[in-house]
Amino acid sequence: MGVLNPGFEDEGASGGLAEHWTLTSHTALERVAGFGPDPHRGREDFERWTELLNGFADGQLVMGLFDALAEGYEDFADGWGTDVYLTELPDAVITAPFGGGAVEDCEAGWSNDAFALAWNAVGDDTGLFNCEGHEDFEEQWRSNESYRWLWSSVPSDTAMFDAGAEDVEDFENDWAAATTI
């Protein structure tokens, strides 16, 4: 069956509606989960499940012990293979030699030996594009040799609508009816 009134041209029974079209809307309720014993709250604050303690009495805590020395904290030193790492820098600072010097100046060995530091040290050689001293973008750019550079050289044809019957699109006729499966 084809779609009736595909251009919304025929009005429906009331204002703002098109004939043969139905406006559908959906609504939904939202429910908040309640936590607690009564009175239920809309958030979990974990304070009504246990007593809030601001301090601990003697014997109330049990300490977890780590490694064979029975330390009360995990220092990640024993059994982690970290014994060879420095925990602080030595007193004497040892400089790493870069090209025989104490600093890396990025001047030697970086393929920048001919690096210019001022404009007057830069040569003025002309770049060649297709054996020409300028890029004219006319050759070898995706067949752009056929492009028109002046609007007057473009041939003009009038766009025709409704199988060539009209030179304007009025959206009034000859629309194929849409169908649904």
C-alpha atoms as a PDB file:
ATOM      1  CA  MET A   1       0.000   0.000   0.000  1.00  0.00           C
ATOM      2  CA  GLY A   2       1.362   3.429  -0.888  1.00  0.00           C
ATOM      3  CA  VAL A   3       1.885   6.263   1.576  1.00  0.00           C
ATOM      4  CA  LEU A   4      -1.118   8.553   1.430  1.00  0.00           C
ATOM      5  CA  ASN A   5      -0.600  12.325   1.358  1.00  0.00           C
ATOM      6  CA  PRO A   6       3.240  12.122   1.186  1.00  0.00           C
ATOM      7  CA  GLY A   7       3.635  15.914   0.761  1.00  0.00           C
ATOM      8  CA  PHE A   8       1.332  16.827   3.696  1.00  0.00           C
ATOM      9  CA  GLU A   9      -0.794  18.842   1.256  1.00  0.00           C
ATOM     10  CA  ASP A  10      -4.213  17.632   2.508  1.00  0.00           C
ATOM     11  CA  GLU A  11      -5.192  18.908   5.947  1.00  0.00           C
ATOM     12  CA  GLY A  12      -6.417  16.609   8.664  1.00  0.00           C
ATOM     13  CA  ALA A  13      -9.393  16.764  11.016  1.00  0.00           C
ATOM     14  CA  SER A  14      -7.814  19.373  13.321  1.00  0.00           C
ATOM     15  CA  GLY A  15      -5.260  22.153  12.907  1.00  0.00           C
ATOM     16  CA  GLY A  16      -1.607  21.107  12.573  1.00  0.00           C
ATOM     17  CA  LEU A  17      -2.408  17.564  11.415  1.00  0.00           C
ATOM     18  CA  ALA A  18      -2.162  16.122   7.915  1.00  0.00           C
ATOM     19  CA  GLU A  19      -4.792  13.781   6.507  1.00  0.00           C
ATOM     20  CA  HIS A  20      -3.856  10.059   6.688  1.00  0.00           C
ATOM     21  CA  TRP A  21      -1.074  10.761   9.219  1.00  0.00           C
ATOM     22  CA  THR A  22      -1.172   9.909  12.928  1.00  0.00           C
ATOM     23  CA  LEU A  23       0.631  11.773  15.696  1.00  0.00           C
ATOM     24  CA  THR A  24       1.871   9.413  18.430  1.00  0.00           C
ATOM     25  CA  SER A  25       3.504  10.361  21.712  1.00  0.00           C
ATOM     26  CA  HIS A  26       4.846   8.315  24.603  1.00  0.00           C
ATOM     27  CA  THR A  27       5.163   9.040  28.300  1.00  0.00           C
ATOM     28  CA  ALA A  28       6.958   7.178  31.057  1.00  0.00           C
ATOM     29  CA  LEU A  29       7.154   7.248  34.823  1.00  0.00           C
ATOM     30  CA  GLU A  30      10.352   7.390  36.783  1.00  0.00           C
ATOM     31  CA  ARG A  31      10.751   5.623  40.073  1.00  0.00           C
ATOM     32  CA  VAL A  32      13.402   6.346  42.667  1.00  0.00           C
ATOM     33  CA  ALA A  33      14.847   3.366  44.535  1.00  0.00           C
ATOM     34  CA  GLY A  34      14.476   3.655  48.272  1.00  0.00           C
ATOM     35  CA  PHE A  35      17.338   2.643  50.579  1.00  0.00           C
ATOM     36  CA  GLY A  36      17.294   1.868  54.205  1.00  0.00           C
ATOM     37  CA  PRO A  37      15.112   0.657  56.778  1.00  0.00           C
ATOM     38  CA  ASP A  38      12.192   3.072  57.165  1.00  0.00           C
ATOM     39  CA  PRO A  39      12.173   5.902  56.434  1.00  0.00           C
ATOM     40  CA  HIS A  40      13.469   5.054  52.960  1.00  0.00           C
ATOM     41  CA  ARG A  41      15.813   7.525  51.338  1.00  0.00           C
ATOM     42  CA  GLY A  42      16.508   8.131  47.649  1.00  0.00           C
ATOM     43  CA  ARG A  43      20.257   7.711  48.140  1.00  0.00           C
ATOM     44  CA  GLU A  44      22.537   5.209  49.843  1.00  0.00           C
ATOM     45  CA  ASP A  45      24.489   6.893  52.641  1.00  0.00           C
ATOM     46  CA  PHE A  46      25.706   3.693  54.383  1.00  0.00           C
ATOM     47  CA  GLU A  47      25.332   5.377  57.773  1.00  0.00           C
ATOM     48  CA  ARG A  48      22.275   3.447  58.906  1.00  0.00           C
ATOM     49  CA  TRP A  49      23.855   0.044  58.330  1.00  0.00           C
ATOM     50  CA  THR A  50      26.624   0.426  60.856  1.00  0.00           C
ATOM     51  CA  GLU A  51      27.413   2.720  63.719  1.00  0.00           C
ATOM     52  CA  LEU A  52      29.548   5.712  62.803  1.00  0.00           C
ATOM     53  CA  LEU A  53      32.738   5.633  64.872  1.00  0.00           C
ATOM     54  CA  ASN A  54      34.928   8.688  65.272  1.00  0.00           C
ATOM     55  CA  GLY A  55      37.638   6.681  67.061  1.00  0.00           C
ATOM     56  CA  PHE A  56      38.591   3.113  67.970  1.00  0.00           C
ATOM     57  CA  ALA A  57      38.936   1.593  71.423  1.00  0.00           C
ATOM     58  CA  ASP A  58      41.887  -0.610  72.385  1.00  0.00           C
ATOM     59  CA  GLY A  59      41.594  -4.099  70.937  1.00  0.00           C
ATOM     60  CA  GLN A  60      38.948  -3.041  68.438  1.00  0.00           C
ATOM     61  CA  LEU A  61      41.266  -3.162  65.413  1.00  0.00           C
ATOM     62  CA  VAL A  62      43.281  -6.027  63.969  1.00  0.00           C
ATOM     63  CA  MET A  63      46.422  -5.082  62.072  1.00  0.00           C
ATOM     64  CA  GLY A  64      47.251  -6.775  58.766  1.00  0.00           C
ATOM     65  CA  LEU A  65      50.896  -7.841  58.670  1.00  0.00           C
ATOM     66  CA  PHE A  66      53.119  -7.874  55.584  1.00  0.00           C
ATOM     67  CA  ASP A  67      56.217  -9.974  54.826  1.00  0.00           C
ATOM     68  CA  ALA A  68      58.355 -11.931  57.250  1.00  0.00           C
ATOM     69  CA  LEU A  69      59.357  -8.949  59.404  1.00  0.00           C
ATOM     70  CA  ALA A  70      55.736  -8.491  60.556  1.00  0.00           C
ATOM     71  CA  GLU A  71      55.541  -4.863  59.460  1.00  0.00           C
ATOM     72  CA  GLY A  72      52.145  -3.189  59.765  1.00  0.00           C
ATOM     73  CA  TYR A  73      52.382  -1.625  56.305  1.00  0.00           C
ATOM     74  CA  GLU A  74      53.279  -2.755  52.810  1.00  0.00           C
ATOM     75  CA  ASP A  75      56.529  -1.028  51.823  1.00  0.00           C
ATOM     76  CA  PHE A  76      56.862  -2.870  48.465  1.00  0.00           C
ATOM     77  CA  ALA A  77      60.559  -3.413  49.163  1.00  0.00           C
ATOM     78  CA  ASP A  78      60.744  -7.139  49.863  1.00  0.00           C
ATOM     79  CA  GLY A  79      59.850  -9.682  47.230  1.00  0.00           C
ATOM     80  CA  TRP A  80      58.993  -7.141  44.535  1.00  0.00           C
ATOM     81  CA  GLY A  81      62.405  -7.070  42.826  1.00  0.00           C
ATOM     82  CA  THR A  82      62.798  -3.372  43.594  1.00  0.00           C
ATOM     83  CA  ASP A  83      65.924  -3.659  45.718  1.00  0.00           C
ATOM     84  CA  VAL A  84      68.147  -2.346  42.893  1.00  0.00           C
ATOM     85  CA  TYR A  85      66.304   0.963  42.461  1.00  0.00           C
ATOM     86  CA  LEU A  86      67.549   4.218  43.937  1.00  0.00           C
ATOM     87  CA  THR A  87      65.373   5.758  46.591  1.00  0.00           C
ATOM     88  CA  GLU A  88      67.290   9.049  46.514  1.00  0.00           C
ATOM     89  CA  LEU A  89      69.812  10.736  44.232  1.00  0.00           C
ATOM     90  CA  PRO A  90      73.506  10.441  45.129  1.00  0.00           C
ATOM     91  CA  ASP A  91      75.345  13.479  46.506  1.00  0.00           C
ATOM     92  CA  ALA A  92      77.634  13.829  43.480  1.00  0.00           C
ATOM     93  CA  VAL A  93      75.871  14.634  40.204  1.00  0.00           C
ATOM     94  CA  ILE A  94      77.355  12.828  37.213  1.00  0.00           C
ATOM     95  CA  THR A  95      76.774  14.482  33.848  1.00  0.00           C
ATOM     96  CA  ALA A  96      76.142  12.431  30.745  1.00  0.00           C
ATOM     97  CA  PRO A  97      78.474  13.382  27.868  1.00  0.00           C
ATOM     98  CA  PHE A  98      76.759  14.480  24.627  1.00  0.00           C
ATOM     99  CA  GLY A  99      79.150  14.718  21.697  1.00  0.00           C
ATOM    100  CA  GLY A 100      82.004  15.332  24.113  1.00  0.00           C
ATOM    101  CA  GLY A 101      80.202  18.142  25.971  1.00  0.00           C
ATOM    102  CA  ALA A 102      78.192  18.288  29.181  1.00  0.00           C
ATOM    103  CA  VAL A 103      74.950  19.393  27.475  1.00  0.00           C
ATOM    104  CA  GLU A 104      73.063  18.313  24.364  1.00  0.00           C
ATOM    105  CA  ASP A 105      72.933  21.367  22.107  1.00  0.00           C
ATOM    106  CA  CYS A 106      71.291  19.417  19.231  1.00  0.00           C
ATOM    107  CA  GLU A 107      73.788  20.884  16.784  1.00  0.00           C
ATOM    108  CA  ALA A 108      75.975  17.931  15.778  1.00  0.00           C
ATOM    109  CA  GLY A 109      74.793  14.541  14.545  1.00  0.00           C
ATOM    110  CA  TRP A 110      71.150  15.534  14.026  1.00  0.00           C
ATOM    111  CA  SER A 111      71.337  16.156  10.242  1.00  0.00           C
ATOM    112  CA  ASN A 112      71.049  19.870  10.929  1.00  0.00           C
ATOM    113  CA  ASP A 113      74.643  20.928  10.427  1.00  0.00           C
ATOM    114  CA  ALA A 114      73.548  23.288   7.626  1.00  0.00           C
ATOM    115  CA  PHE A 115      70.876  24.841   9.845  1.00  0.00           C
ATOM    116  CA  ALA A 116      70.444  28.578   9.155  1.00  0.00           C
ATOM    117  CA  LEU A 117      70.034  30.884  12.148  1.00  0.00           C
ATOM    118  CA  ALA A 118      69.304  34.077  10.155  1.00  0.00           C
ATOM    119  CA  TRP A 119      67.376  34.869   6.941  1.00  0.00           C
ATOM    120  CA  ASN A 120      70.414  36.353   5.226  1.00  0.00           C
ATOM    121  CA  ALA A 121      72.064  32.914   5.510  1.00  0.00           C
ATOM    122  CA  VAL A 122      69.245  31.280   3.500  1.00  0.00           C
ATOM    123  CA  GLY A 123      69.754  30.792  -0.241  1.00  0.00           C
ATOM    124  CA  ASP A 124      67.243  32.162  -2.757  1.00  0.00           C
ATOM    125  CA  ASP A 125      66.894  29.253  -5.166  1.00  0.00           C
ATOM    126  CA  THR A 126      63.669  29.166  -7.158  1.00  0.00           C
ATOM    127  CA  GLY A 127      61.507  26.084  -6.700  1.00  0.00           C
ATOM    128  CA  LEU A 128      60.511  24.411  -9.967  1.00  0.00           C
ATOM    129  CA  PHE A 129      57.060  23.004 -10.648  1.00  0.00           C
ATOM    130  CA  ASN A 130      56.852  20.945 -13.834  1.00  0.00           C
ATOM    131  CA  CYS A 131      59.980  22.786 -15.080  1.00  0.00           C
ATOM    132  CA  GLU A 132      58.301  26.141 -14.395  1.00  0.00           C
ATOM    133  CA  GLY A 133      59.144  28.703 -11.731  1.00  0.00           C
ATOM    134  CA  HIS A 134      55.579  28.749 -10.399  1.00  0.00           C
ATOM    135  CA  GLU A 135      52.800  26.250  -9.693  1.00  0.00           C
ATOM    136  CA  ASP A 136      49.917  26.947 -12.073  1.00  0.00           C
ATOM    137  CA  PHE A 137      47.825  23.924 -11.014  1.00  0.00           C
ATOM    138  CA  GLU A 138      46.893  23.256 -14.617  1.00  0.00           C
ATOM    139  CA  GLU A 139      48.652  19.958 -15.225  1.00  0.00           C
ATOM    140  CA  GLN A 140      48.481  16.557 -13.578  1.00  0.00           C
ATOM    141  CA  TRP A 141      45.936  17.506 -10.913  1.00  0.00           C
ATOM    142  CA  ARG A 142      43.236  14.882 -11.546  1.00  0.00           C
ATOM    143  CA  SER A 143      42.607  15.883 -15.166  1.00  0.00           C
ATOM    144  CA  ASN A 144      41.993  19.517 -14.310  1.00  0.00           C
ATOM    145  CA  GLU A 145      43.153  20.553 -17.754  1.00  0.00           C
ATOM    146  CA  SER A 146      39.456  20.449 -18.681  1.00  0.00           C
ATOM    147  CA  TYR A 147      38.420  22.866 -15.909  1.00  0.00           C
ATOM    148  CA  ARG A 148      37.038  26.261 -16.867  1.00  0.00           C
ATOM    149  CA  TRP A 149      38.850  29.251 -15.403  1.00  0.00           C
ATOM    150  CA  LEU A 150      36.378  31.890 -16.598  1.00  0.00           C
ATOM    151  CA  TRP A 151      32.611  31.751 -15.982  1.00  0.00           C
ATOM    152  CA  SER A 152      31.953  33.012 -19.513  1.00  0.00           C
ATOM    153  CA  SER A 153      33.556  29.879 -20.973  1.00  0.00           C
ATOM    154  CA  VAL A 154      31.124  27.540 -19.168  1.00  0.00           C
ATOM    155  CA  PRO A 155      28.229  26.389 -21.383  1.00  0.00           C
ATOM    156  CA  SER A 156      24.869  26.972 -19.718  1.00  0.00           C
ATOM    157  CA  ASP A 157      21.740  24.854 -19.829  1.00  0.00           C
ATOM    158  CA  THR A 158      18.499  25.466 -17.972  1.00  0.00           C
ATOM    159  CA  ALA A 159      17.604  22.821 -15.401  1.00  0.00           C
ATOM    160  CA  MET A 160      14.259  21.218 -16.298  1.00  0.00           C
ATOM    161  CA  PHE A 161      11.781  19.606 -13.892  1.00  0.00           C
ATOM    162  CA  ASP A 162       8.688  17.411 -14.261  1.00  0.00           C
ATOM    163  CA  ALA A 163      10.195  15.360 -17.105  1.00  0.00           C
ATOM    164  CA  GLY A 164      11.367  18.502 -18.911  1.00  0.00           C
ATOM    165  CA  ALA A 165       8.000  20.284 -18.822  1.00  0.00           C
ATOM    166  CA  GLU A 166       8.922  23.127 -16.410  1.00  0.00           C
ATOM    167  CA  ASP A 167      12.049  25.169 -15.743  1.00  0.00           C
ATOM    168  CA  VAL A 168      11.160  25.678 -12.043  1.00  0.00           C
ATOM    169  CA  GLU A 169      10.538  23.122  -9.300  1.00  0.00           C
ATOM    170  CA  ASP A 170       7.158  23.816  -7.708  1.00  0.00           C
ATOM    171  CA  PHE A 171       6.945  20.561  -5.681  1.00  0.00           C
ATOM    172  CA  GLU A 172       3.296  20.252  -6.720  1.00  0.00           C
ATOM    173  CA  ASN A 173       3.094  17.246  -9.003  1.00  0.00           C
ATOM    174  CA  ASP A 174       4.682  14.164 -10.474  1.00  0.00           C
ATOM    175  CA  TRP A 175       5.933  12.833  -7.151  1.00  0.00           C
ATOM    176  CA  ALA A 176       6.061   9.074  -7.144  1.00  0.00           C
ATOM    177  CA  ALA A 177       4.016   7.654  -4.296  1.00  0.00           C
ATOM    178  CA  ALA A 178       6.209   6.097  -1.626  1.00  0.00           C
ATOM    179  CA  THR A 179       5.443   2.549  -0.627  1.00  0.00           C
ATOM    180  CA  THR A 180       6.169   0.563   2.486  1.00  0.00           C
ATOM    181  CA  ILE A 181       6.875  -3.103   2.793  1.00  0.00           C
END
